Amino acid sequence: MVRTDLVSPHPIFVFDGYCVLCSTGASFIMRHDPEGKVRFLSAQSPLGAAVYAHFSLPLDASYLLITPDGTFKKTTGYFRLADILGGWFRLGKIFKLIPRVIRDRLYDWVATNRYRLFGKSELCTLLTADQRARLVTEDASLRAQLADRATGNIAA
């Protein structure tokens, strides 16, 4: 079986940099992650676009969370993120009681309507200068994985 997941030893949260809801969420996570456990990547950056293209996903399909265990999206990714951040973030895992199909259907509705409901801004303008400095612009490991998978050189 060919593995299509991307992995990163340092978790990377890939988000829509134009979306007010998404940028506000990334900013919130950054403020509450002073240790820098999670890195951030705008989906509109060249690397972010390459990641979405790898999965054949439109940018509005979902954010992505790339971890040492693979790539996660929608509500499953949020639960993984809660585990990574720890502390009170884990309280959000109470929503695991709701069946995944229902959680993800609600996620899809919000994702589809997020610009209409929350608005759109210039790329990452809702982030502070310090937060914009935390954005990943390039990652050699991800680029290598993308290149290997594009050429069929998949490690076993």
C-alpha atoms as a PDB file:
ATOM      1  CA  MET A   1       0.000   0.000   0.000  1.00  0.00           C
ATOM      2  CA  VAL A   2       1.294   3.456  -0.925  1.00  0.00           C
ATOM      3  CA  ARG A   3       1.292   5.881   1.988  1.00  0.00           C
ATOM      4  CA  THR A   4      -0.111   9.256   0.981  1.00  0.00           C
ATOM      5  CA  ASP A   5       0.110  10.886   4.407  1.00  0.00           C
ATOM      6  CA  LEU A   6       2.691  13.545   5.018  1.00  0.00           C
ATOM      7  CA  VAL A   7       4.498  13.520   8.350  1.00  0.00           C
ATOM      8  CA  SER A   8       6.360  16.138  10.335  1.00  0.00           C
ATOM      9  CA  PRO A   9       8.320  15.660  13.562  1.00  0.00           C
ATOM     10  CA  HIS A  10       7.043  19.091  14.632  1.00  0.00           C
ATOM     11  CA  PRO A  11       3.247  19.406  14.090  1.00  0.00           C
ATOM     12  CA  ILE A  12       2.190  21.855  11.374  1.00  0.00           C
ATOM     13  CA  PHE A  13      -1.276  23.439  11.286  1.00  0.00           C
ATOM     14  CA  VAL A  14      -2.164  24.389   7.677  1.00  0.00           C
ATOM     15  CA  PHE A  15      -4.942  26.972   7.526  1.00  0.00           C
ATOM     16  CA  ASP A  16      -6.711  29.346   5.133  1.00  0.00           C
ATOM     17  CA  GLY A  17      -4.871  32.637   5.587  1.00  0.00           C
ATOM     18  CA  TYR A  18      -7.695  34.679   4.010  1.00  0.00           C
ATOM     19  CA  CYS A  19     -10.445  33.307   6.239  1.00  0.00           C
ATOM     20  CA  VAL A  20     -11.205  35.470   9.288  1.00  0.00           C
ATOM     21  CA  LEU A  21     -12.379  32.444  11.304  1.00  0.00           C
ATOM     22  CA  CYS A  22      -9.301  30.401  10.362  1.00  0.00           C
ATOM     23  CA  SER A  23      -6.774  33.190  10.994  1.00  0.00           C
ATOM     24  CA  THR A  24      -8.446  34.069  14.280  1.00  0.00           C
ATOM     25  CA  GLY A  25      -8.286  30.400  15.275  1.00  0.00           C
ATOM     26  CA  ALA A  26      -4.597  30.170  14.349  1.00  0.00           C
ATOM     27  CA  SER A  27      -3.914  33.362  16.316  1.00  0.00           C
ATOM     28  CA  PHE A  28      -5.762  31.943  19.339  1.00  0.00           C
ATOM     29  CA  ILE A  29      -3.731  28.728  19.201  1.00  0.00           C
ATOM     30  CA  MET A  30      -0.477  30.698  18.902  1.00  0.00           C
ATOM     31  CA  ARG A  31      -1.357  32.829  21.936  1.00  0.00           C
ATOM     32  CA  HIS A  32      -2.050  29.693  23.974  1.00  0.00           C
ATOM     33  CA  ASP A  33       0.966  27.751  22.701  1.00  0.00           C
ATOM     34  CA  PRO A  34       3.885  29.786  24.087  1.00  0.00           C
ATOM     35  CA  GLU A  35       6.191  26.749  23.880  1.00  0.00           C
ATOM     36  CA  GLY A  36       5.688  26.629  20.124  1.00  0.00           C
ATOM     37  CA  LYS A  37       4.569  22.990  20.027  1.00  0.00           C
ATOM     38  CA  VAL A  38       2.745  23.685  16.763  1.00  0.00           C
ATOM     39  CA  ARG A  39       3.998  25.462  13.649  1.00  0.00           C
ATOM     40  CA  PHE A  40       1.679  27.206  11.197  1.00  0.00           C
ATOM     41  CA  LEU A  41       1.497  27.266   7.412  1.00  0.00           C
ATOM     42  CA  SER A  42      -0.823  29.336   5.253  1.00  0.00           C
ATOM     43  CA  ALA A  43      -2.633  27.228   2.682  1.00  0.00           C
ATOM     44  CA  GLN A  44      -2.059  30.041   0.171  1.00  0.00           C
ATOM     45  CA  SER A  45       1.743  29.905   0.486  1.00  0.00           C
ATOM     46  CA  PRO A  46       3.637  27.939  -2.190  1.00  0.00           C
ATOM     47  CA  LEU A  47       4.303  25.082   0.258  1.00  0.00           C
ATOM     48  CA  GLY A  48       0.719  25.128   1.548  1.00  0.00           C
ATOM     49  CA  ALA A  49      -0.649  25.006  -1.997  1.00  0.00           C
ATOM     50  CA  ALA A  50       1.663  22.058  -2.774  1.00  0.00           C
ATOM     51  CA  VAL A  51       0.373  20.201   0.302  1.00  0.00           C
ATOM     52  CA  TYR A  52      -3.264  20.706  -0.752  1.00  0.00           C
ATOM     53  CA  ALA A  53      -2.437  19.681  -4.324  1.00  0.00           C
ATOM     54  CA  HIS A  54      -0.785  16.512  -2.975  1.00  0.00           C
ATOM     55  CA  PHE A  55      -4.079  15.499  -1.371  1.00  0.00           C
ATOM     56  CA  SER A  56      -6.139  16.770  -4.351  1.00  0.00           C
ATOM     57  CA  LEU A  57      -8.027  19.011  -1.936  1.00  0.00           C
ATOM     58  CA  PRO A  58      -9.410  22.458  -2.677  1.00  0.00           C
ATOM     59  CA  LEU A  59      -8.285  25.024  -0.103  1.00  0.00           C
ATOM     60  CA  ASP A  60     -11.801  25.307   1.264  1.00  0.00           C
ATOM     61  CA  ALA A  61     -12.185  21.579   1.980  1.00  0.00           C
ATOM     62  CA  SER A  62     -10.510  21.567   5.390  1.00  0.00           C
ATOM     63  CA  TYR A  63      -7.542  22.767   7.331  1.00  0.00           C
ATOM     64  CA  LEU A  64      -4.804  20.130   7.717  1.00  0.00           C
ATOM     65  CA  LEU A  65      -2.754  19.038  10.709  1.00  0.00           C
ATOM     66  CA  ILE A  66       0.515  17.318   9.784  1.00  0.00           C
ATOM     67  CA  THR A  67       1.988  15.356  12.711  1.00  0.00           C
ATOM     68  CA  PRO A  68       4.574  12.611  13.301  1.00  0.00           C
ATOM     69  CA  ASP A  69       1.647  10.152  13.000  1.00  0.00           C
ATOM     70  CA  GLY A  70       0.368  11.453   9.654  1.00  0.00           C
ATOM     71  CA  THR A  71      -1.999  14.062   8.288  1.00  0.00           C
ATOM     72  CA  PHE A  72      -5.413  14.750   9.785  1.00  0.00           C
ATOM     73  CA  LYS A  73      -8.297  17.000   8.783  1.00  0.00           C
ATOM     74  CA  LYS A  74     -11.685  18.188   9.952  1.00  0.00           C
ATOM     75  CA  THR A  75     -12.725  17.251  13.498  1.00  0.00           C
ATOM     76  CA  THR A  76     -10.242  14.384  13.800  1.00  0.00           C
ATOM     77  CA  GLY A  77      -7.464  16.931  13.347  1.00  0.00           C
ATOM     78  CA  TYR A  78      -8.870  19.147  16.086  1.00  0.00           C
ATOM     79  CA  PHE A  79      -8.857  16.254  18.527  1.00  0.00           C
ATOM     80  CA  ARG A  80      -5.231  15.490  17.610  1.00  0.00           C
ATOM     81  CA  LEU A  81      -4.391  19.165  18.067  1.00  0.00           C
ATOM     82  CA  ALA A  82      -6.013  19.099  21.533  1.00  0.00           C
ATOM     83  CA  ASP A  83      -3.766  16.170  22.473  1.00  0.00           C
ATOM     84  CA  ILE A  84      -0.670  18.010  21.238  1.00  0.00           C
ATOM     85  CA  LEU A  85      -1.490  21.252  23.062  1.00  0.00           C
ATOM     86  CA  GLY A  86      -2.664  19.480  26.213  1.00  0.00           C
ATOM     87  CA  GLY A  87      -4.148  21.221  29.237  1.00  0.00           C
ATOM     88  CA  TRP A  88      -7.618  22.682  28.926  1.00  0.00           C
ATOM     89  CA  PHE A  89      -7.588  22.156  25.135  1.00  0.00           C
ATOM     90  CA  ARG A  90      -8.402  18.519  25.878  1.00  0.00           C
ATOM     91  CA  LEU A  91     -11.811  19.573  27.211  1.00  0.00           C
ATOM     92  CA  GLY A  92     -12.867  20.001  23.586  1.00  0.00           C
ATOM     93  CA  LYS A  93     -12.586  16.252  23.145  1.00  0.00           C
ATOM     94  CA  ILE A  94     -16.004  15.958  24.800  1.00  0.00           C
ATOM     95  CA  PHE A  95     -17.338  16.487  21.268  1.00  0.00           C
ATOM     96  CA  LYS A  96     -16.005  13.032  20.373  1.00  0.00           C
ATOM     97  CA  LEU A  97     -19.266  11.796  21.893  1.00  0.00           C
ATOM     98  CA  ILE A  98     -20.973  13.119  18.752  1.00  0.00           C
ATOM     99  CA  PRO A  99     -20.641  10.647  15.869  1.00  0.00           C
ATOM    100  CA  ARG A 100     -17.885  11.650  13.438  1.00  0.00           C
ATOM    101  CA  VAL A 101     -20.224  11.775  10.444  1.00  0.00           C
ATOM    102  CA  ILE A 102     -22.346  14.414  12.205  1.00  0.00           C
ATOM    103  CA  ARG A 103     -19.307  16.391  13.456  1.00  0.00           C
ATOM    104  CA  ASP A 104     -17.743  16.420  10.002  1.00  0.00           C
ATOM    105  CA  ARG A 105     -20.998  17.348   8.285  1.00  0.00           C
ATOM    106  CA  LEU A 106     -21.255  20.397  10.568  1.00  0.00           C
ATOM    107  CA  TYR A 107     -17.573  21.167   9.909  1.00  0.00           C
ATOM    108  CA  ASP A 108     -18.216  20.982   6.139  1.00  0.00           C
ATOM    109  CA  TRP A 109     -21.147  23.380   6.425  1.00  0.00           C
ATOM    110  CA  VAL A 110     -19.085  25.933   8.377  1.00  0.00           C
ATOM    111  CA  ALA A 111     -16.130  25.515   5.966  1.00  0.00           C
ATOM    112  CA  THR A 112     -18.364  26.060   2.942  1.00  0.00           C
ATOM    113  CA  ASN A 113     -19.972  29.175   4.447  1.00  0.00           C
ATOM    114  CA  ARG A 114     -17.058  30.622   6.438  1.00  0.00           C
ATOM    115  CA  TYR A 115     -16.392  33.655   4.207  1.00  0.00           C
ATOM    116  CA  ARG A 116     -20.082  34.609   4.232  1.00  0.00           C
ATOM    117  CA  LEU A 117     -20.431  34.032   7.993  1.00  0.00           C
ATOM    118  CA  PHE A 118     -17.105  35.394   9.262  1.00  0.00           C
ATOM    119  CA  GLY A 119     -15.586  37.365   6.402  1.00  0.00           C
ATOM    120  CA  LYS A 120     -12.373  37.440   4.450  1.00  0.00           C
ATOM    121  CA  SER A 121      -9.212  39.469   5.018  1.00  0.00           C
ATOM    122  CA  GLU A 122      -5.899  40.018   3.323  1.00  0.00           C
ATOM    123  CA  LEU A 123      -3.518  37.095   3.731  1.00  0.00           C
ATOM    124  CA  CYS A 124      -2.748  36.612   7.448  1.00  0.00           C
ATOM    125  CA  THR A 125      -3.387  40.285   8.328  1.00  0.00           C
ATOM    126  CA  LEU A 126      -5.232  39.250  11.488  1.00  0.00           C
ATOM    127  CA  LEU A 127      -1.999  37.834  12.894  1.00  0.00           C
ATOM    128  CA  THR A 128       0.370  40.037  14.859  1.00  0.00           C
ATOM    129  CA  ALA A 129       3.906  40.584  13.554  1.00  0.00           C
ATOM    130  CA  ASP A 130       5.213  38.056  16.098  1.00  0.00           C
ATOM    131  CA  GLN A 131       2.605  35.531  15.002  1.00  0.00           C
ATOM    132  CA  ARG A 132       3.400  36.062  11.309  1.00  0.00           C
ATOM    133  CA  ALA A 133       7.022  35.299  12.202  1.00  0.00           C
ATOM    134  CA  ARG A 134       5.849  31.858  13.385  1.00  0.00           C
ATOM    135  CA  LEU A 135       4.517  30.985   9.933  1.00  0.00           C
ATOM    136  CA  VAL A 136       6.434  28.275   8.100  1.00  0.00           C
ATOM    137  CA  THR A 137       7.543  29.428   4.677  1.00  0.00           C
ATOM    138  CA  GLU A 138       9.526  26.348   3.740  1.00  0.00           C
ATOM    139  CA  ASP A 139      10.113  22.877   5.170  1.00  0.00           C
ATOM    140  CA  ALA A 140      12.755  20.679   3.525  1.00  0.00           C
ATOM    141  CA  SER A 141      11.269  17.465   4.928  1.00  0.00           C
ATOM    142  CA  LEU A 142       7.782  18.188   3.549  1.00  0.00           C
ATOM    143  CA  ARG A 143       9.217  19.236   0.183  1.00  0.00           C
ATOM    144  CA  ALA A 144      11.199  15.976   0.013  1.00  0.00           C
ATOM    145  CA  GLN A 145       8.098  13.924   0.852  1.00  0.00           C
ATOM    146  CA  LEU A 146       6.074  15.758  -1.788  1.00  0.00           C
ATOM    147  CA  ALA A 147       8.808  15.211  -4.382  1.00  0.00           C
ATOM    148  CA  ASP A 148       9.240  11.531  -3.498  1.00  0.00           C
ATOM    149  CA  ARG A 149       5.524  10.861  -3.754  1.00  0.00           C
ATOM    150  CA  ALA A 150       5.259  12.769  -7.015  1.00  0.00           C
ATOM    151  CA  THR A 151       7.968  10.585  -8.569  1.00  0.00           C
ATOM    152  CA  GLY A 152       6.802   7.364  -6.952  1.00  0.00           C
ATOM    153  CA  ASN A 153       9.874   7.021  -4.694  1.00  0.00           C
ATOM    154  CA  ILE A 154       7.957   5.977  -1.589  1.00  0.00           C
ATOM    155  CA  ALA A 155       9.962   4.689   1.349  1.00  0.00           C
ATOM    156  CA  ALA A 156       8.614   1.433   2.760  1.00  0.00           C
END
